[in-house]
Amino acid sequence: MDKKQGYKKSLGLWGLVSLGVGGTIGSGIFVVPGIAAGIAGPSSILSWFIAAISAGSVLLSLAFISGKFPATGAFYPIFSKLFGKKFSLFLVVLYILSSILGIATIASGIGQYLQFFGISDILTWEIAVIIIFTVLNLIGMKLSGGVEILLTALKTIPLIIISILLLQFIKPENFTPFFVGGNMGFLSAITIVYWSYTGFEISAIPADETKNKKDIPKSLFIVMLIVTFVYLILNIALIGSVGSKTLSDSPVPIATGMGKFFEYSSVIVAIIGIITMMSAMNAYMIATSRVMQNISMEYGIPFLQDLSIRCAPSNAILLGSAATIAMILLTNNFAVLAVTSVIAILLPYIFISISAFLLFHSKRIRIVAALGILSTAAILFTFFLPELESII
């Protein structure tokens, strides 16, 4: 295909929103509540709130920038204006690594929910799901984007319904004692919870496939409102109804929570969980391939910059999927993959906020950007703090 033809403009506002919500609400919300509750107890609810403030500040910074400089890939065109080509390349490679780890994390999460149905050979099934969505993305954005809208609706609405159903069973005693696990436990909970908020940036990545680029910042705002509402109300409902101990003992906390009060509902929730993670995997594949194709265009890498006859970055999609399969063959541990993905993405997130701080002189935007810089840097620092303490 002639590279000058470029991408087809097939995404509207709700297509962008579905990518952002699809990428953000994924394996995290179906697995992380149990892990976070086990680390920090009821206070893990605060970790969801703190992570929302941090991620929201980065998102707003990206929204301001994308409104002024919309571009496919989102990151390199922005970073290279401010930080030079070499460091910008490093930041983009970190983002690609984080995204590949993210897809592997989602695959691992799907495996945990397949175990709920008694399936033992989960690795084979995880690889099969990756292959299915690889083929879907090779067919093109029109299909993969349409599937994303459908999957996003099929997961978001049920999650809100689940939250409402569980709210009636909240018991005040499930919130006491509120702080357990100490300060380091609480900080660790924030790091793992932050994984659940990554992915919002996907709304800004396929800019050249967007019908109206003014929809990009709008979509980012809508994504964070939806995600924050769903996460906070669901975690309050889960901990308040079944308690942090029950959640921490389960690899499928939402299914366990619903199963305690509604017979046979755990099976339905497990199916919703798999749908949710499939949606996230699809969104991440779209984002990863576009960023890889964009950086390949910048550096003239023929193999990865080419688009197929269906206007899909086929080689980038295939390379990303192959790397993901290699990752889960190396380790299929959800927590390890999730935390590593978060650590890899935090530096690009910090520099998104730095970019907004440098590009805009508005006091309001600079305050938001500064909050994004400081909060994200603090989360990154807490990850390495135990290692620093052991050295000191």
Protein backbone atom coordinates (compact mmCIF):
# COMPACT_ATOMS: atom_id res chain seq x y z
CA MET A 1 0.00 0.00 0.00
CA ASP A 2 1.12 3.58 -0.70
CA LYS A 3 2.15 4.97 2.67
CA LYS A 4 0.98 8.45 1.64
CA GLN A 5 -2.60 7.21 1.64
CA GLY A 6 -2.39 6.88 5.40
CA TYR A 7 -5.05 5.82 7.86
CA LYS A 8 -8.80 5.92 7.24
CA LYS A 9 -10.80 8.33 9.39
CA SER A 10 -13.26 5.96 11.05
CA LEU A 11 -13.40 7.05 14.72
CA GLY A 12 -15.95 9.44 16.18
CA LEU A 13 -16.22 10.74 19.75
CA TRP A 14 -17.73 7.57 21.21
CA GLY A 15 -15.25 5.43 19.33
CA LEU A 16 -12.45 7.33 21.08
CA VAL A 17 -14.24 7.10 24.43
CA SER A 18 -14.64 3.34 24.00
CA LEU A 19 -10.90 2.99 23.35
CA GLY A 20 -10.03 4.98 26.47
CA VAL A 21 -12.58 3.26 28.70
CA GLY A 22 -11.80 -0.08 27.06
CA GLY A 23 -8.08 0.30 27.71
CA THR A 24 -8.52 1.55 31.27
CA ILE A 25 -11.31 -0.67 32.62
CA GLY A 26 -9.70 -4.04 32.03
CA SER A 27 -8.08 -6.78 34.04
CA GLY A 28 -7.23 -4.31 36.81
CA ILE A 29 -10.71 -3.83 38.22
CA PHE A 30 -11.45 -7.57 38.09
CA VAL A 31 -8.25 -8.67 39.86
CA VAL A 32 -6.63 -5.69 41.64
CA PRO A 33 -9.37 -5.06 44.29
CA GLY A 34 -8.45 -8.38 45.91
CA ILE A 35 -4.70 -7.72 45.79
CA ALA A 36 -5.05 -4.15 47.11
CA ALA A 37 -7.45 -5.22 49.88
CA GLY A 38 -4.99 -7.90 50.92
CA ILE A 39 -2.17 -5.34 51.16
CA ALA A 40 -3.96 -2.38 52.75
CA GLY A 41 -7.37 -3.63 53.94
CA PRO A 42 -10.28 -1.16 53.81
CA SER A 43 -7.85 1.75 53.35
CA SER A 44 -7.24 0.42 49.84
CA ILE A 45 -10.32 2.50 48.92
CA LEU A 46 -8.17 5.59 49.47
CA SER A 47 -5.52 4.18 47.16
CA TRP A 48 -8.12 4.12 44.35
CA PHE A 49 -8.95 7.76 45.07
CA ILE A 50 -5.28 8.86 45.19
CA ALA A 51 -4.46 6.98 41.98
CA ALA A 52 -7.46 8.65 40.33
CA ILE A 53 -6.16 12.11 41.24
CA SER A 54 -2.69 11.30 39.91
CA ALA A 55 -3.86 9.63 36.70
CA GLY A 56 -6.51 12.32 36.23
CA SER A 57 -3.87 15.05 36.38
CA VAL A 58 -1.81 13.28 33.71
CA LEU A 59 -4.95 12.76 31.63
CA LEU A 60 -5.87 16.45 31.82
CA SER A 61 -2.32 17.37 30.82
CA LEU A 62 -2.60 15.06 27.80
CA ALA A 63 -6.03 16.48 26.97
CA PHE A 64 -4.65 20.05 26.90
CA ILE A 65 -1.73 18.96 24.72
CA SER A 66 -3.83 16.82 22.37
CA GLY A 67 -6.21 19.70 21.86
CA LYS A 68 -3.30 21.79 20.58
CA PHE A 69 -1.06 19.14 18.95
CA PRO A 70 -3.16 16.11 17.91
CA ALA A 71 -1.02 13.45 16.22
CA THR A 72 -1.04 9.68 15.77
CA GLY A 73 1.22 8.09 18.33
CA ALA A 74 0.47 11.03 20.66
CA PHE A 75 3.84 10.91 22.40
CA TYR A 76 6.86 11.29 20.12
CA PRO A 77 5.55 14.34 18.23
CA ILE A 78 5.03 16.06 21.60
CA PHE A 79 8.19 14.90 23.37
CA SER A 80 10.51 15.64 20.43
CA LYS A 81 9.43 19.30 20.44
CA LEU A 82 10.72 19.70 23.98
CA PHE A 83 13.22 17.02 24.99
CA GLY A 84 15.21 16.10 21.89
CA LYS A 85 14.96 13.04 19.67
CA LYS A 86 17.07 10.58 21.66
CA PHE A 87 15.36 11.06 25.00
CA SER A 88 11.96 11.17 23.28
CA LEU A 89 12.72 7.83 21.63
CA PHE A 90 13.61 6.40 25.05
CA LEU A 91 10.28 7.57 26.50
CA VAL A 92 8.31 6.11 23.59
CA VAL A 93 10.14 2.78 23.84
CA LEU A 94 9.24 2.72 27.55
CA TYR A 95 5.61 3.30 26.64
CA ILE A 96 5.67 0.49 24.06
CA LEU A 97 7.27 -1.84 26.61
CA SER A 98 4.61 -0.90 29.16
CA SER A 99 1.85 -1.54 26.61
CA ILE A 100 3.21 -4.97 25.71
CA LEU A 101 3.45 -5.77 29.42
CA GLY A 102 -0.10 -4.44 29.73
CA ILE A 103 -1.43 -6.84 27.09
CA ALA A 104 0.42 -9.69 28.82
CA THR A 105 -1.12 -8.63 32.15
CA ILE A 106 -4.58 -8.65 30.62
CA ALA A 107 -3.95 -12.11 29.14
CA SER A 108 -2.86 -13.32 32.58
CA GLY A 109 -6.03 -11.86 34.09
CA ILE A 110 -8.14 -13.71 31.52
CA GLY A 111 -6.32 -16.87 32.55
CA GLN A 112 -7.27 -16.33 36.20
CA TYR A 113 -10.93 -16.05 35.28
CA LEU A 114 -10.74 -19.11 33.02
CA GLN A 115 -9.50 -21.05 36.06
CA PHE A 116 -12.79 -20.08 37.70
CA PHE A 117 -14.48 -22.30 35.09
CA GLY A 118 -12.15 -25.19 35.83
CA ILE A 119 -9.86 -24.70 32.82
CA SER A 120 -6.35 -25.78 33.75
CA ASP A 121 -4.33 -25.18 30.56
CA ILE A 122 -4.74 -21.41 30.84
CA LEU A 123 -1.53 -20.48 29.00
CA THR A 124 -2.77 -22.04 25.77
CA TRP A 125 -6.07 -20.18 26.09
CA GLU A 126 -4.30 -16.89 26.82
CA ILE A 127 -2.21 -17.23 23.67
CA ALA A 128 -5.33 -18.16 21.68
CA VAL A 129 -7.11 -14.97 22.81
CA ILE A 130 -4.06 -12.88 21.83
CA ILE A 131 -4.08 -14.48 18.36
CA ILE A 132 -7.84 -13.88 17.92
CA PHE A 133 -7.52 -10.16 18.68
CA THR A 134 -4.40 -9.92 16.54
CA VAL A 135 -6.43 -11.14 13.57
CA LEU A 136 -9.23 -8.74 14.47
CA ASN A 137 -6.81 -5.80 14.43
CA LEU A 138 -5.24 -6.93 11.16
CA ILE A 139 -8.65 -6.65 9.50
CA GLY A 140 -8.69 -2.94 10.30
CA MET A 141 -9.89 -0.17 12.61
CA LYS A 142 -13.46 -0.20 11.31
CA LEU A 143 -13.97 -3.71 12.71
CA SER A 144 -11.73 -3.50 15.78
CA GLY A 145 -13.15 -0.07 16.68
CA GLY A 146 -16.74 -1.30 16.28
CA VAL A 147 -16.00 -4.36 18.42
CA GLU A 148 -14.48 -2.07 21.05
CA ILE A 149 -17.63 0.05 21.30
CA LEU A 150 -19.73 -3.10 21.77
CA LEU A 151 -17.40 -4.68 24.36
CA THR A 152 -17.10 -1.42 26.30
CA ALA A 153 -20.88 -1.18 26.64
CA LEU A 154 -21.11 -4.86 27.61
CA LYS A 155 -18.70 -4.35 30.50
CA THR A 156 -19.37 -0.82 31.79
CA ILE A 157 -23.13 -1.08 32.26
CA PRO A 158 -22.96 -4.42 34.16
CA LEU A 159 -20.21 -3.07 36.46
CA ILE A 160 -22.45 -0.16 37.47
CA ILE A 161 -25.35 -2.56 38.04
CA ILE A 162 -23.12 -4.84 40.17
CA SER A 163 -22.08 -1.86 42.31
CA ILE A 164 -25.68 -0.81 42.88
CA LEU A 165 -26.69 -4.35 43.82
CA LEU A 166 -23.86 -4.70 46.36
CA LEU A 167 -24.40 -1.30 48.00
CA GLN A 168 -27.46 -2.62 49.86
CA PHE A 169 -25.29 -5.18 51.69
CA ILE A 170 -22.71 -2.74 53.07
CA LYS A 171 -21.86 -3.25 56.74
CA PRO A 172 -19.96 -0.53 58.68
CA GLU A 173 -17.85 -3.14 60.48
CA ASN A 174 -16.25 -4.15 57.17
CA PHE A 175 -14.44 -0.80 57.19
CA THR A 176 -12.77 -1.36 60.59
CA PRO A 177 -9.92 -1.37 61.30
CA PHE A 178 -9.50 0.95 58.34
CA PHE A 179 -5.69 1.10 58.14
CA VAL A 180 -3.87 -2.23 58.09
CA GLY A 181 -0.53 -3.22 56.62
CA GLY A 182 1.32 -0.05 57.68
CA ASN A 183 2.49 2.87 55.56
CA MET A 184 4.50 0.73 53.14
CA GLY A 185 1.52 -1.54 52.61
CA PHE A 186 -0.66 1.44 51.75
CA LEU A 187 1.95 2.83 49.34
CA SER A 188 2.32 -0.57 47.68
CA ALA A 189 -1.44 -0.70 47.23
CA ILE A 190 -1.35 2.64 45.37
CA THR A 191 1.28 1.28 42.96
CA ILE A 192 -0.73 -1.84 42.07
CA VAL A 193 -3.99 0.15 41.90
CA TYR A 194 -2.40 2.61 39.49
CA TRP A 195 -2.30 -0.22 36.94
CA SER A 196 -6.09 -0.07 36.80
CA TYR A 197 -5.96 3.57 35.67
CA THR A 198 -3.39 3.16 32.91
CA GLY A 199 -4.76 3.05 29.38
CA PHE A 200 -6.74 6.31 29.32
CA GLU A 201 -4.16 7.77 26.90
CA ILE A 202 -5.33 5.37 24.19
CA SER A 203 -8.09 7.86 23.29
CA ALA A 204 -5.40 10.30 22.11
CA ILE A 205 -3.27 7.87 20.11
CA PRO A 206 -5.17 7.16 16.84
CA ALA A 207 -5.45 10.87 15.92
CA ASP A 208 -5.14 10.32 12.17
CA GLU A 209 -8.03 7.85 12.30
CA THR A 210 -10.27 10.38 14.04
CA LYS A 211 -12.97 12.18 12.07
CA ASN A 212 -12.75 15.32 14.20
CA LYS A 213 -9.55 15.86 16.17
CA LYS A 214 -11.37 18.21 18.54
CA ASP A 215 -13.05 15.09 19.88
CA ILE A 216 -9.75 13.85 21.35
CA PRO A 217 -9.60 16.09 24.46
CA LYS A 218 -13.37 15.68 24.94
CA SER A 219 -13.02 11.91 24.91
CA LEU A 220 -10.26 12.02 27.54
CA PHE A 221 -12.46 14.01 29.93
CA ILE A 222 -15.36 11.59 29.46
CA VAL A 223 -13.09 8.57 29.94
CA MET A 224 -11.80 9.73 33.32
CA LEU A 225 -15.29 10.61 34.59
CA ILE A 226 -16.61 7.16 33.69
CA VAL A 227 -13.59 5.26 34.99
CA THR A 228 -13.32 7.11 38.31
CA PHE A 229 -17.03 6.75 39.04
CA VAL A 230 -17.05 3.01 38.28
CA TYR A 231 -13.88 2.27 40.26
CA LEU A 232 -14.78 4.18 43.40
CA ILE A 233 -18.37 3.03 43.72
CA LEU A 234 -17.45 -0.59 42.95
CA ASN A 235 -14.62 -0.78 45.49
CA ILE A 236 -16.72 0.84 48.22
CA ALA A 237 -19.48 -1.66 47.47
CA LEU A 238 -17.11 -4.65 47.42
CA ILE A 239 -15.25 -3.91 50.66
CA GLY A 240 -18.37 -2.72 52.43
CA SER A 241 -20.40 -5.81 51.51
CA VAL A 242 -17.97 -8.74 51.78
CA GLY A 243 -14.94 -7.29 53.59
CA SER A 244 -11.30 -6.94 52.58
CA LYS A 245 -10.33 -10.39 53.95
CA THR A 246 -12.78 -12.22 51.68
CA LEU A 247 -11.66 -10.14 48.70
CA SER A 248 -7.97 -10.75 49.34
CA ASP A 249 -8.50 -14.52 49.49
CA SER A 250 -10.04 -14.61 46.01
CA PRO A 251 -8.33 -14.34 42.59
CA VAL A 252 -11.71 -13.23 41.19
CA PRO A 253 -12.95 -10.73 43.82
CA ILE A 254 -15.97 -9.31 41.99
CA ALA A 255 -17.29 -12.77 41.14
CA THR A 256 -16.74 -13.83 44.75
CA GLY A 257 -18.51 -10.73 46.07
CA MET A 258 -21.57 -11.21 43.92
CA GLY A 259 -21.62 -14.97 44.50
CA LYS A 260 -21.98 -14.41 48.25
CA PHE A 261 -25.35 -12.69 47.86
CA PHE A 262 -26.75 -13.82 44.51
CA GLU A 263 -26.85 -17.49 43.56
CA TYR A 264 -25.20 -18.32 40.23
CA SER A 265 -24.23 -14.66 39.74
CA SER A 266 -20.52 -15.44 40.10
CA VAL A 267 -20.58 -17.27 36.76
CA ILE A 268 -22.19 -14.26 35.07
CA VAL A 269 -19.65 -11.91 36.64
CA ALA A 270 -16.78 -14.13 35.53
CA ILE A 271 -18.07 -13.95 31.95
CA ILE A 272 -18.34 -10.15 32.22
CA GLY A 273 -14.77 -10.12 33.53
CA ILE A 274 -13.49 -12.02 30.50
CA ILE A 275 -15.40 -9.68 28.16
CA THR A 276 -13.91 -6.70 30.01
CA MET A 277 -10.37 -7.96 29.64
CA MET A 278 -10.87 -8.78 25.98
CA SER A 279 -12.00 -5.19 25.43
CA ALA A 280 -8.88 -3.90 27.17
CA MET A 281 -6.63 -6.21 25.16
CA ASN A 282 -8.14 -4.96 21.91
CA ALA A 283 -7.67 -1.30 22.92
CA TYR A 284 -4.06 -1.89 23.99
CA MET A 285 -3.26 -3.65 20.70
CA ILE A 286 -4.65 -0.69 18.76
CA ALA A 287 -2.56 1.76 20.80
CA THR A 288 0.67 -0.23 20.80
CA SER A 289 0.66 -0.80 17.05
CA ARG A 290 -0.04 2.89 16.29
CA VAL A 291 2.76 4.12 18.54
CA MET A 292 5.16 1.59 17.01
CA GLN A 293 4.13 2.60 13.49
CA ASN A 294 4.49 6.30 14.31
CA ILE A 295 8.00 5.97 15.73
CA SER A 296 8.97 3.79 12.74
CA MET A 297 7.83 6.57 10.41
CA GLU A 298 10.00 9.03 12.32
CA TYR A 299 13.08 6.80 12.01
CA GLY A 300 12.38 5.34 8.56
CA ILE A 301 11.99 1.69 9.56
CA PRO A 302 10.30 0.15 6.47
CA PHE A 303 9.09 -3.06 8.06
CA LEU A 304 7.05 -1.39 10.82
CA GLN A 305 5.92 1.82 9.14
CA ASP A 306 4.01 0.12 6.34
CA LEU A 307 0.22 0.02 6.33
CA SER A 308 -1.73 -2.90 4.88
CA ILE A 309 -4.33 -2.70 2.16
CA ARG A 310 -6.88 -2.34 4.99
CA CYS A 311 -4.99 0.66 6.40
CA ALA A 312 -3.77 -1.30 9.42
CA PRO A 313 -0.17 -1.25 10.71
CA SER A 314 0.00 -5.01 10.20
CA ASN A 315 3.67 -5.61 10.91
CA ALA A 316 3.54 -3.52 14.07
CA ILE A 317 0.47 -5.47 15.22
CA LEU A 318 2.22 -8.80 14.58
CA LEU A 319 5.43 -7.73 16.32
CA GLY A 320 3.54 -6.46 19.36
CA SER A 321 1.56 -9.70 19.63
CA ALA A 322 4.68 -11.84 19.28
CA ALA A 323 6.40 -9.84 22.02
CA THR A 324 3.33 -10.24 24.25
CA ILE A 325 3.29 -14.02 23.83
CA ALA A 326 7.01 -14.12 24.64
CA MET A 327 6.31 -12.08 27.78
CA ILE A 328 3.65 -14.40 29.16
CA LEU A 329 5.83 -17.41 28.36
CA LEU A 330 8.53 -15.76 30.46
CA THR A 331 6.17 -15.08 33.38
CA ASN A 332 2.43 -15.54 33.73
CA ASN A 333 2.21 -13.81 37.10
CA PHE A 334 -0.46 -11.10 37.02
CA ALA A 335 0.94 -8.96 39.86
CA VAL A 336 4.50 -9.01 38.49
CA LEU A 337 3.36 -8.06 34.98
CA ALA A 338 0.99 -5.35 36.24
CA VAL A 339 3.51 -3.64 38.54
CA THR A 340 6.26 -3.79 35.88
CA SER A 341 3.89 -2.27 33.33
CA VAL A 342 3.05 0.57 35.74
CA ILE A 343 6.70 1.30 36.50
CA ALA A 344 7.52 1.40 32.77
CA ILE A 345 4.70 3.84 32.00
CA LEU A 346 5.17 6.26 34.90
CA LEU A 347 8.15 8.06 33.35
CA PRO A 348 6.28 8.80 30.07
CA TYR A 349 3.32 9.96 32.19
CA ILE A 350 5.60 12.30 34.16
CA PHE A 351 6.92 13.82 30.94
CA ILE A 352 3.42 14.23 29.52
CA SER A 353 2.73 16.44 32.54
CA ILE A 354 6.08 18.22 32.17
CA SER A 355 5.22 18.87 28.51
CA ALA A 356 1.92 20.49 29.49
CA PHE A 357 3.71 22.61 32.09
CA LEU A 358 6.21 23.85 29.50
CA LEU A 359 3.81 24.32 26.59
CA PHE A 360 1.15 26.32 28.40
CA HIS A 361 1.35 29.51 30.47
CA SER A 362 -2.13 29.21 31.96
CA LYS A 363 -1.92 29.02 35.75
CA ARG A 364 -4.75 26.51 35.85
CA ILE A 365 -3.07 24.14 33.39
CA ARG A 366 0.29 24.48 35.13
CA ILE A 367 -1.23 23.59 38.50
CA VAL A 368 -2.79 20.45 37.01
CA ALA A 369 0.47 19.55 35.27
CA ALA A 370 2.48 20.10 38.46
CA LEU A 371 0.10 17.81 40.36
CA GLY A 372 0.56 15.17 37.67
CA ILE A 373 4.35 15.49 37.86
CA LEU A 374 4.60 15.35 41.65
CA SER A 375 2.02 12.61 42.27
CA THR A 376 3.30 10.32 39.52
CA ALA A 377 6.91 10.84 40.58
CA ALA A 378 5.90 10.05 44.18
CA ILE A 379 4.30 6.75 43.10
CA LEU A 380 7.42 5.88 41.11
CA PHE A 381 9.58 6.73 44.14
CA THR A 382 7.52 4.54 46.48
CA PHE A 383 8.21 1.52 44.29
CA PHE A 384 11.97 1.92 44.72
CA LEU A 385 11.81 3.10 48.35
CA PRO A 386 12.25 -0.37 49.94
CA GLU A 387 15.35 -0.93 47.81
CA LEU A 388 16.76 2.46 48.80
CA GLU A 389 16.09 1.76 52.48
CA SER A 390 17.91 -1.57 52.25
CA ILE A 391 20.93 0.14 50.67
CA ILE A 392 20.98 2.92 53.27
